[in-house]
N, C-alpha and C. Protein backbone atom coordinates (compact mmCIF):
# COMPACT_ATOMS: atom_id res chain seq x y z
N MET A 1 0.82 -1.19 0.00
CA MET A 1 0.00 0.00 0.00
C MET A 1 0.87 1.26 0.00
N LYS A 2 1.94 1.22 0.79
CA LYS A 2 2.85 2.37 0.86
C LYS A 2 3.45 2.66 -0.50
N ASN A 3 3.91 1.61 -1.21
CA ASN A 3 4.50 1.79 -2.53
C ASN A 3 3.49 2.37 -3.52
N ILE A 4 2.23 1.95 -3.40
CA ILE A 4 1.20 2.46 -4.30
C ILE A 4 0.99 3.95 -4.05
N MET A 5 0.95 4.35 -2.79
CA MET A 5 0.76 5.77 -2.46
C MET A 5 1.96 6.59 -2.94
N ILE A 6 3.17 6.08 -2.74
CA ILE A 6 4.37 6.78 -3.20
C ILE A 6 4.32 6.95 -4.71
N ALA A 7 3.93 5.89 -5.41
CA ALA A 7 3.86 5.94 -6.87
C ALA A 7 2.82 6.95 -7.34
N ILE A 8 1.66 6.98 -6.66
CA ILE A 8 0.61 7.92 -7.04
C ILE A 8 1.06 9.36 -6.83
N VAL A 9 1.67 9.63 -5.68
CA VAL A 9 2.17 10.99 -5.41
C VAL A 9 3.25 11.37 -6.41
N ALA A 10 4.19 10.46 -6.67
CA ALA A 10 5.27 10.75 -7.61
C ALA A 10 4.74 10.98 -9.01
N LEU A 11 3.79 10.16 -9.44
CA LEU A 11 3.20 10.35 -10.77
C LEU A 11 2.50 11.70 -10.86
N SER A 12 1.85 12.10 -9.78
CA SER A 12 1.19 13.41 -9.78
C SER A 12 2.19 14.53 -9.96
N PHE A 13 3.30 14.46 -9.22
CA PHE A 13 4.31 15.51 -9.34
C PHE A 13 4.96 15.49 -10.72
N LEU A 14 5.24 14.33 -11.24
CA LEU A 14 5.83 14.24 -12.57
C LEU A 14 4.87 14.79 -13.61
N ALA A 15 3.62 14.44 -13.49
CA ALA A 15 2.62 14.92 -14.45
C ALA A 15 2.46 16.43 -14.35
N LEU A 16 2.43 16.97 -13.16
CA LEU A 16 2.31 18.41 -13.00
C LEU A 16 3.56 19.12 -13.48
N GLY A 17 4.72 18.55 -13.21
CA GLY A 17 5.98 19.16 -13.61
C GLY A 17 6.13 19.20 -15.11
N CYS A 18 5.63 18.22 -15.80
CA CYS A 18 5.79 18.16 -17.25
C CYS A 18 4.51 18.47 -17.99
N ASN A 19 3.43 18.68 -17.26
CA ASN A 19 2.14 18.98 -17.85
C ASN A 19 1.73 17.92 -18.86
N LYS A 20 2.02 16.66 -18.53
CA LYS A 20 1.64 15.53 -19.35
C LYS A 20 0.70 14.66 -18.53
N PRO A 21 -0.27 14.02 -19.16
CA PRO A 21 -1.14 13.14 -18.41
C PRO A 21 -0.36 11.98 -17.82
N ALA A 22 -0.66 11.67 -16.57
CA ALA A 22 0.02 10.56 -15.91
C ALA A 22 -0.54 9.25 -16.43
N GLU A 23 0.35 8.37 -16.81
CA GLU A 23 -0.04 7.04 -17.23
C GLU A 23 0.60 6.07 -16.25
N ASP A 24 -0.21 5.29 -15.59
CA ASP A 24 0.33 4.38 -14.59
C ASP A 24 0.64 3.04 -15.21
N ASN A 25 1.67 3.02 -16.06
CA ASN A 25 2.14 1.77 -16.65
C ASN A 25 3.58 1.53 -16.25
N THR A 26 3.96 2.04 -15.08
CA THR A 26 5.35 2.05 -14.69
C THR A 26 5.70 1.01 -13.64
N ASP A 27 4.73 0.33 -13.08
CA ASP A 27 5.00 -0.65 -12.04
C ASP A 27 5.86 -0.06 -10.93
N GLY A 28 5.61 1.18 -10.55
CA GLY A 28 6.33 1.79 -9.44
C GLY A 28 7.58 2.56 -9.83
N ALA A 29 7.90 2.65 -11.10
CA ALA A 29 9.14 3.32 -11.50
C ALA A 29 9.16 4.78 -11.12
N HIS A 30 8.03 5.46 -11.12
CA HIS A 30 8.02 6.87 -10.81
C HIS A 30 8.23 7.16 -9.34
N GLU A 31 8.33 6.14 -8.50
CA GLU A 31 8.72 6.40 -7.12
C GLU A 31 10.12 7.00 -7.08
N ILE A 32 10.89 6.81 -8.16
CA ILE A 32 12.23 7.37 -8.26
C ILE A 32 12.16 8.89 -8.23
N VAL A 33 11.19 9.46 -8.92
CA VAL A 33 11.03 10.91 -8.96
C VAL A 33 9.96 11.25 -7.92
N ASN A 34 10.42 11.59 -6.73
CA ASN A 34 9.47 11.81 -5.64
C ASN A 34 9.32 13.28 -5.32
N GLN A 35 8.59 13.56 -4.27
CA GLN A 35 8.29 14.93 -3.88
C GLN A 35 9.54 15.75 -3.65
N ASP A 36 10.61 15.15 -3.15
CA ASP A 36 11.84 15.91 -2.91
C ASP A 36 12.40 16.47 -4.21
N ALA A 37 12.23 15.76 -5.31
CA ALA A 37 12.76 16.22 -6.59
C ALA A 37 11.88 17.29 -7.21
N HIS A 38 10.64 17.41 -6.73
CA HIS A 38 9.71 18.38 -7.28
C HIS A 38 9.28 19.36 -6.20
N SER A 39 10.21 20.17 -5.74
CA SER A 39 9.87 21.16 -4.74
C SER A 39 9.03 22.25 -5.37
N SER A 40 8.46 23.09 -4.55
CA SER A 40 7.56 24.12 -5.07
C SER A 40 8.27 25.10 -5.97
N ASP A 41 9.58 25.25 -5.85
CA ASP A 41 10.29 26.17 -6.73
C ASP A 41 10.78 25.49 -7.99
N HIS A 42 10.41 24.24 -8.20
CA HIS A 42 10.83 23.52 -9.39
C HIS A 42 9.81 23.71 -10.49
N ASP A 43 10.15 24.56 -11.44
CA ASP A 43 9.28 24.65 -12.60
C ASP A 43 10.08 24.63 -13.88
N HIS A 44 11.37 24.59 -13.80
CA HIS A 44 12.32 24.67 -14.91
C HIS A 44 11.72 25.27 -16.17
N GLY A 45 11.16 26.48 -15.96
CA GLY A 45 10.66 27.22 -17.11
C GLY A 45 9.28 26.82 -17.58
N HIS A 46 8.61 25.97 -16.85
CA HIS A 46 7.28 25.55 -17.27
C HIS A 46 6.25 26.63 -16.98
N SER A 47 5.30 26.79 -17.87
CA SER A 47 4.15 27.64 -17.63
C SER A 47 2.92 26.80 -17.90
N ASP A 48 1.86 27.43 -18.31
CA ASP A 48 0.61 26.70 -18.50
C ASP A 48 0.72 25.55 -19.47
N ASP A 49 1.55 25.65 -20.50
CA ASP A 49 1.68 24.54 -21.45
C ASP A 49 2.73 23.55 -21.01
N GLY A 50 3.35 23.80 -19.87
CA GLY A 50 4.34 22.87 -19.36
C GLY A 50 5.74 23.21 -19.79
N HIS A 51 5.94 24.21 -20.66
CA HIS A 51 7.29 24.47 -21.12
C HIS A 51 7.60 25.94 -21.31
N GLY A 52 6.69 26.83 -20.99
CA GLY A 52 6.98 28.24 -21.01
C GLY A 52 6.89 28.90 -22.38
N HIS A 53 6.41 28.20 -23.39
CA HIS A 53 6.22 28.83 -24.68
C HIS A 53 5.28 28.00 -25.53
N ASP A 54 4.91 28.58 -26.65
CA ASP A 54 4.01 27.92 -27.58
C ASP A 54 4.80 26.98 -28.48
N HIS A 55 4.49 25.69 -28.43
CA HIS A 55 5.23 24.72 -29.23
C HIS A 55 5.14 24.98 -30.72
N ALA A 56 4.10 25.65 -31.18
CA ALA A 56 3.97 25.92 -32.61
C ALA A 56 5.04 26.90 -33.06
N ASP A 57 5.62 27.67 -32.12
CA ASP A 57 6.63 28.65 -32.47
C ASP A 57 8.04 28.20 -32.15
N ASP A 58 8.26 26.94 -31.80
CA ASP A 58 9.59 26.51 -31.36
C ASP A 58 10.45 25.94 -32.47
N GLY A 59 10.02 26.04 -33.70
CA GLY A 59 10.82 25.56 -34.81
C GLY A 59 10.68 24.07 -35.06
N HIS A 60 9.83 23.40 -34.31
CA HIS A 60 9.61 21.96 -34.46
C HIS A 60 8.20 21.75 -34.98
N GLU A 61 8.03 20.74 -35.77
CA GLU A 61 6.68 20.37 -36.16
C GLU A 61 5.97 19.93 -34.90
N SER A 62 4.70 20.29 -34.77
CA SER A 62 4.00 20.00 -33.53
C SER A 62 3.51 18.57 -33.45
N ALA A 63 3.50 17.84 -34.53
CA ALA A 63 2.97 16.48 -34.51
C ALA A 63 4.01 15.50 -35.03
N LYS A 64 5.12 15.33 -34.31
CA LYS A 64 6.12 14.34 -34.69
C LYS A 64 5.56 12.96 -34.38
N PRO A 65 5.84 11.99 -35.22
CA PRO A 65 5.36 10.64 -34.93
C PRO A 65 6.06 10.08 -33.71
N LEU A 66 5.30 9.52 -32.80
CA LEU A 66 5.87 8.96 -31.59
C LEU A 66 5.99 7.46 -31.65
N GLY A 67 5.63 6.86 -32.73
CA GLY A 67 5.73 5.41 -32.83
C GLY A 67 4.49 4.75 -32.26
N ALA A 68 4.31 3.53 -32.63
CA ALA A 68 3.16 2.78 -32.15
C ALA A 68 3.28 2.51 -30.66
N ASP A 69 2.20 2.72 -29.94
CA ASP A 69 2.12 2.41 -28.51
C ASP A 69 3.24 3.06 -27.70
N GLY A 70 3.55 4.31 -27.99
CA GLY A 70 4.56 5.02 -27.21
C GLY A 70 5.96 4.50 -27.42
N GLU A 71 6.23 3.94 -28.57
CA GLU A 71 7.53 3.37 -28.90
C GLU A 71 8.53 4.50 -29.19
N LEU A 72 9.74 4.34 -28.71
CA LEU A 72 10.80 5.30 -28.98
C LEU A 72 11.20 5.21 -30.44
N VAL A 73 11.21 6.34 -31.13
CA VAL A 73 11.55 6.38 -32.55
C VAL A 73 12.54 7.52 -32.79
N LEU A 74 13.19 7.47 -33.93
CA LEU A 74 14.08 8.55 -34.35
C LEU A 74 13.26 9.73 -34.84
N ASN A 75 13.91 10.86 -34.95
CA ASN A 75 13.31 12.08 -35.50
C ASN A 75 13.47 12.03 -37.01
N GLY A 76 12.62 11.28 -37.66
CA GLY A 76 12.80 10.99 -39.09
C GLY A 76 13.96 10.03 -39.21
N SER A 77 15.06 10.48 -39.81
CA SER A 77 16.26 9.65 -39.88
C SER A 77 17.36 10.18 -38.96
N ASP A 78 17.03 11.20 -38.16
CA ASP A 78 18.01 11.83 -37.26
C ASP A 78 17.74 11.47 -35.81
N LYS A 79 18.74 11.71 -34.99
CA LYS A 79 18.57 11.58 -33.54
C LYS A 79 17.88 12.83 -33.02
N TRP A 80 17.21 12.69 -31.87
CA TRP A 80 16.58 13.82 -31.21
C TRP A 80 17.66 14.67 -30.54
N GLU A 81 17.43 15.97 -30.51
CA GLU A 81 18.34 16.91 -29.85
C GLU A 81 18.02 16.90 -28.35
N ALA A 82 19.00 16.52 -27.54
CA ALA A 82 18.84 16.53 -26.08
C ALA A 82 19.64 17.71 -25.53
N ASP A 83 19.19 18.23 -24.39
CA ASP A 83 19.93 19.33 -23.78
C ASP A 83 21.18 18.81 -23.09
N GLU A 84 22.10 19.72 -22.83
CA GLU A 84 23.40 19.36 -22.24
C GLU A 84 23.23 18.69 -20.89
N HIS A 85 22.31 19.19 -20.07
CA HIS A 85 22.08 18.61 -18.74
C HIS A 85 21.64 17.15 -18.84
N THR A 86 20.72 16.87 -19.74
CA THR A 86 20.22 15.50 -19.90
C THR A 86 21.34 14.58 -20.37
N ASN A 87 22.10 15.03 -21.37
CA ASN A 87 23.21 14.21 -21.86
C ASN A 87 24.25 13.95 -20.77
N LYS A 88 24.52 14.96 -19.95
CA LYS A 88 25.49 14.78 -18.86
C LYS A 88 24.97 13.78 -17.83
N SER A 89 23.69 13.88 -17.48
CA SER A 89 23.11 12.95 -16.52
C SER A 89 23.16 11.51 -17.03
N VAL A 90 22.83 11.34 -18.31
CA VAL A 90 22.88 9.99 -18.90
C VAL A 90 24.32 9.49 -18.92
N ALA A 91 25.27 10.35 -19.27
CA ALA A 91 26.68 9.95 -19.27
C ALA A 91 27.13 9.57 -17.86
N ASN A 92 26.68 10.30 -16.85
CA ASN A 92 27.01 9.96 -15.46
C ASN A 92 26.48 8.58 -15.10
N MET A 93 25.23 8.30 -15.49
CA MET A 93 24.65 6.99 -15.17
C MET A 93 25.36 5.88 -15.92
N HIS A 94 25.73 6.15 -17.16
CA HIS A 94 26.48 5.16 -17.94
C HIS A 94 27.80 4.83 -17.26
N GLU A 95 28.50 5.87 -16.81
CA GLU A 95 29.77 5.67 -16.12
C GLU A 95 29.58 4.89 -14.82
N MET A 96 28.52 5.21 -14.06
CA MET A 96 28.24 4.48 -12.81
C MET A 96 28.04 2.99 -13.09
N VAL A 97 27.24 2.70 -14.10
CA VAL A 97 26.93 1.29 -14.41
C VAL A 97 28.17 0.56 -14.90
N GLU A 98 28.95 1.18 -15.76
CA GLU A 98 30.14 0.53 -16.30
C GLU A 98 31.18 0.28 -15.20
N LYS A 99 31.39 1.24 -14.32
CA LYS A 99 32.32 1.05 -13.19
C LYS A 99 31.81 -0.05 -12.27
N PHE A 100 30.51 -0.05 -12.02
CA PHE A 100 29.91 -1.05 -11.14
C PHE A 100 30.10 -2.46 -11.70
N LYS A 101 29.93 -2.61 -13.01
CA LYS A 101 30.06 -3.92 -13.63
C LYS A 101 31.46 -4.50 -13.44
N MET A 102 32.47 -3.64 -13.27
CA MET A 102 33.86 -4.08 -13.11
C MET A 102 34.22 -4.45 -11.67
N GLN A 103 33.37 -4.05 -10.72
CA GLN A 103 33.67 -4.31 -9.32
C GLN A 103 33.47 -5.78 -8.97
N LYS A 104 34.34 -6.28 -8.09
CA LYS A 104 34.19 -7.66 -7.62
C LYS A 104 33.11 -7.74 -6.55
N GLU A 105 33.17 -6.84 -5.59
CA GLU A 105 32.15 -6.76 -4.53
C GLU A 105 31.11 -5.75 -4.97
N LYS A 106 29.89 -6.21 -5.16
CA LYS A 106 28.86 -5.34 -5.71
C LYS A 106 27.79 -5.02 -4.68
N ASP A 107 27.62 -3.74 -4.43
CA ASP A 107 26.57 -3.24 -3.55
C ASP A 107 25.45 -2.69 -4.44
N TYR A 108 24.51 -3.56 -4.80
CA TYR A 108 23.44 -3.18 -5.70
C TYR A 108 22.57 -2.07 -5.13
N SER A 109 22.34 -2.10 -3.83
CA SER A 109 21.51 -1.07 -3.19
C SER A 109 22.13 0.31 -3.36
N ALA A 110 23.44 0.40 -3.21
CA ALA A 110 24.13 1.69 -3.37
C ALA A 110 24.02 2.16 -4.82
N LEU A 111 24.19 1.25 -5.77
CA LEU A 111 24.06 1.62 -7.18
C LEU A 111 22.65 2.12 -7.47
N VAL A 112 21.65 1.41 -6.97
CA VAL A 112 20.26 1.81 -7.20
C VAL A 112 20.03 3.22 -6.67
N GLU A 113 20.51 3.51 -5.47
CA GLU A 113 20.34 4.85 -4.90
C GLU A 113 21.06 5.91 -5.72
N ASP A 114 22.28 5.60 -6.17
CA ASP A 114 23.02 6.54 -7.01
C ASP A 114 22.29 6.82 -8.32
N LEU A 115 21.74 5.76 -8.94
CA LEU A 115 21.01 5.93 -10.20
C LEU A 115 19.72 6.72 -9.98
N LYS A 116 19.02 6.43 -8.89
CA LYS A 116 17.80 7.18 -8.57
C LYS A 116 18.11 8.66 -8.38
N ASN A 117 19.18 8.95 -7.67
CA ASN A 117 19.57 10.35 -7.45
C ASN A 117 19.88 11.04 -8.77
N GLU A 118 20.55 10.35 -9.67
CA GLU A 118 20.88 10.95 -10.97
C GLU A 118 19.63 11.15 -11.81
N VAL A 119 18.66 10.23 -11.72
CA VAL A 119 17.39 10.41 -12.43
C VAL A 119 16.68 11.65 -11.88
N ARG A 120 16.67 11.79 -10.56
CA ARG A 120 16.05 12.99 -9.96
C ARG A 120 16.72 14.25 -10.48
N SER A 121 18.04 14.24 -10.56
CA SER A 121 18.78 15.39 -11.07
C SER A 121 18.42 15.65 -12.53
N LEU A 122 18.34 14.60 -13.31
CA LEU A 122 17.98 14.74 -14.73
C LEU A 122 16.61 15.40 -14.86
N VAL A 123 15.64 14.91 -14.12
CA VAL A 123 14.28 15.43 -14.22
C VAL A 123 14.20 16.87 -13.71
N SER A 124 14.87 17.17 -12.62
CA SER A 124 14.77 18.51 -12.05
C SER A 124 15.45 19.56 -12.91
N GLY A 125 16.44 19.17 -13.70
CA GLY A 125 17.15 20.13 -14.54
C GLY A 125 16.77 20.07 -16.00
N CYS A 126 15.77 19.30 -16.33
CA CYS A 126 15.38 19.11 -17.73
C CYS A 126 14.91 20.41 -18.36
N LYS A 127 15.45 20.73 -19.51
CA LYS A 127 15.06 21.92 -20.28
C LYS A 127 14.49 21.52 -21.64
N MET A 128 14.38 20.24 -21.89
CA MET A 128 13.91 19.78 -23.19
C MET A 128 12.42 20.09 -23.35
N GLN A 129 12.01 20.27 -24.61
CA GLN A 129 10.63 20.63 -24.91
C GLN A 129 10.18 19.92 -26.17
N GLY A 130 8.91 19.91 -26.38
CA GLY A 130 8.35 19.40 -27.63
C GLY A 130 8.50 17.90 -27.79
N ALA A 131 8.62 17.49 -29.05
CA ALA A 131 8.64 16.07 -29.39
C ALA A 131 9.86 15.37 -28.80
N GLU A 132 11.03 16.05 -28.75
CA GLU A 132 12.20 15.39 -28.17
C GLU A 132 12.00 15.14 -26.68
N HIS A 133 11.28 16.04 -26.01
CA HIS A 133 10.94 15.85 -24.60
C HIS A 133 10.03 14.64 -24.43
N ASP A 134 9.05 14.51 -25.32
CA ASP A 134 8.15 13.36 -25.28
C ASP A 134 8.92 12.06 -25.48
N GLN A 135 9.87 12.07 -26.42
CA GLN A 135 10.68 10.88 -26.67
C GLN A 135 11.56 10.55 -25.46
N LEU A 136 12.09 11.59 -24.81
CA LEU A 136 12.88 11.37 -23.60
C LEU A 136 12.03 10.68 -22.54
N HIS A 137 10.78 11.08 -22.40
CA HIS A 137 9.89 10.45 -21.42
C HIS A 137 9.71 8.96 -21.72
N ILE A 138 9.61 8.62 -23.00
CA ILE A 138 9.46 7.21 -23.36
C ILE A 138 10.70 6.44 -22.92
N TRP A 139 11.89 6.96 -23.26
CA TRP A 139 13.13 6.29 -22.87
C TRP A 139 13.26 6.24 -21.36
N LEU A 140 13.01 7.37 -20.68
CA LEU A 140 13.21 7.47 -19.25
C LEU A 140 12.26 6.56 -18.48
N ASN A 141 11.03 6.43 -18.94
CA ASN A 141 10.08 5.54 -18.27
C ASN A 141 10.59 4.09 -18.29
N ASP A 142 11.05 3.65 -19.45
CA ASP A 142 11.61 2.29 -19.55
C ASP A 142 12.84 2.14 -18.68
N TYR A 143 13.70 3.17 -18.69
CA TYR A 143 14.93 3.12 -17.90
C TYR A 143 14.62 3.05 -16.41
N MET A 144 13.65 3.85 -15.95
CA MET A 144 13.29 3.81 -14.53
C MET A 144 12.72 2.46 -14.13
N ASN A 145 11.98 1.83 -15.03
CA ASN A 145 11.47 0.49 -14.75
C ASN A 145 12.62 -0.49 -14.55
N LEU A 146 13.71 -0.32 -15.30
CA LEU A 146 14.87 -1.20 -15.15
C LEU A 146 15.57 -0.96 -13.80
N ILE A 147 15.59 0.27 -13.34
CA ILE A 147 16.17 0.55 -12.01
C ILE A 147 15.33 -0.13 -10.93
N VAL A 148 14.02 -0.04 -11.08
CA VAL A 148 13.13 -0.70 -10.11
C VAL A 148 13.35 -2.21 -10.16
N LYS A 149 13.50 -2.75 -11.35
CA LYS A 149 13.75 -4.20 -11.50
C LYS A 149 15.05 -4.59 -10.79
N LEU A 150 16.10 -3.78 -10.97
CA LEU A 150 17.37 -4.04 -10.30
C LEU A 150 17.18 -4.02 -8.79
N SER A 151 16.38 -3.10 -8.32
CA SER A 151 16.12 -2.98 -6.89
C SER A 151 15.31 -4.15 -6.36
N ASP A 152 14.34 -4.61 -7.16
CA ASP A 152 13.41 -5.65 -6.71
C ASP A 152 13.96 -7.07 -6.80
N ASP A 153 14.87 -7.32 -7.74
CA ASP A 153 15.40 -8.68 -7.88
C ASP A 153 16.10 -9.12 -6.60
N THR A 154 15.87 -10.36 -6.22
CA THR A 154 16.42 -10.84 -4.96
C THR A 154 17.67 -11.70 -5.12
N ASP A 155 17.89 -12.24 -6.30
CA ASP A 155 19.09 -13.07 -6.49
C ASP A 155 20.09 -12.37 -7.41
N ASN A 156 21.35 -12.76 -7.31
CA ASN A 156 22.40 -12.11 -8.09
C ASN A 156 22.24 -12.32 -9.59
N THR A 157 21.71 -13.45 -9.99
CA THR A 157 21.50 -13.70 -11.42
C THR A 157 20.51 -12.68 -11.98
N GLY A 158 19.40 -12.48 -11.29
CA GLY A 158 18.41 -11.50 -11.72
C GLY A 158 18.98 -10.09 -11.70
N LYS A 159 19.79 -9.79 -10.70
CA LYS A 159 20.41 -8.46 -10.61
C LYS A 159 21.39 -8.24 -11.76
N GLU A 160 22.15 -9.26 -12.12
CA GLU A 160 23.09 -9.13 -13.24
C GLU A 160 22.36 -8.92 -14.56
N ILE A 161 21.24 -9.61 -14.73
CA ILE A 161 20.43 -9.42 -15.94
C ILE A 161 19.90 -7.99 -15.97
N ALA A 162 19.37 -7.52 -14.84
CA ALA A 162 18.86 -6.15 -14.77
C ALA A 162 19.98 -5.14 -15.02
N LEU A 163 21.15 -5.39 -14.47
CA LEU A 163 22.30 -4.50 -14.67
C LEU A 163 22.68 -4.43 -16.16
N ASN A 164 22.73 -5.57 -16.82
CA ASN A 164 23.03 -5.60 -18.26
C ASN A 164 21.95 -4.89 -19.07
N ASN A 165 20.69 -5.03 -18.65
CA ASN A 165 19.60 -4.32 -19.33
C ASN A 165 19.71 -2.82 -19.14
N LEU A 166 20.15 -2.38 -17.95
CA LEU A 166 20.39 -0.96 -17.71
C LEU A 166 21.48 -0.44 -18.64
N ALA A 167 22.57 -1.18 -18.74
CA ALA A 167 23.68 -0.78 -19.61
C ALA A 167 23.20 -0.68 -21.06
N GLU A 168 22.39 -1.63 -21.49
CA GLU A 168 21.86 -1.62 -22.85
C GLU A 168 20.95 -0.42 -23.08
N SER A 169 20.12 -0.10 -22.09
CA SER A 169 19.23 1.06 -22.20
C SER A 169 20.03 2.35 -22.32
N LEU A 170 21.10 2.47 -21.54
CA LEU A 170 21.95 3.65 -21.61
C LEU A 170 22.63 3.75 -22.98
N HIS A 171 23.02 2.63 -23.51
CA HIS A 171 23.59 2.60 -24.87
C HIS A 171 22.53 3.00 -25.89
N ASN A 172 21.32 2.50 -25.73
CA ASN A 172 20.24 2.83 -26.65
C ASN A 172 19.92 4.32 -26.65
N TYR A 173 20.09 4.97 -25.51
CA TYR A 173 19.87 6.42 -25.45
C TYR A 173 20.69 7.11 -26.54
N THR A 174 21.94 6.68 -26.70
CA THR A 174 22.82 7.32 -27.69
C THR A 174 22.41 7.00 -29.13
N LYS A 175 21.57 6.02 -29.32
CA LYS A 175 21.06 5.72 -30.66
C LYS A 175 19.93 6.67 -31.04
N TYR A 176 19.25 7.25 -30.03
CA TYR A 176 18.08 8.06 -30.29
C TYR A 176 18.27 9.56 -29.97
N PHE A 177 19.30 9.88 -29.19
CA PHE A 177 19.51 11.27 -28.76
C PHE A 177 20.94 11.69 -29.01
N LYS A 178 21.11 12.97 -29.35
CA LYS A 178 22.45 13.53 -29.51
C LYS A 178 22.61 14.72 -28.59
């Protein structure tokens, strides 16, 4: 029950912060982005439309294809433009995972907390807008689910599979974002 309440509160804050409808298909992944990450002074430039400007005037087509069923897709044949903060956060997480994979003694709980903190930082500093922002949400939702999976797995085999899936997701980010 506690996890459900945390997830509901976190989804509410994420939805309000990004002005996107909350979809509860995360199996608890949004508990990563909690109330602490969305303080009252956190608006990163959002206004009524969620981003502080009219998307029709941002130089992007307003109706980019998002793929079937919220699938991550390229921007035509190009990668999506990500902001410097997002790219840095993803690079930090990639480095954390790669260093962790090399360790003999693995503290999965510490890695999970470090990754959650970096996700919070990514979300709180996000300046992306429009279709690339929507695509980031698709990638980030899947990525957060993998962090939750790493946290929830009870045996080392399951944790290693989750860790490898996290590494693959971080690699996939570079296939879709520049």
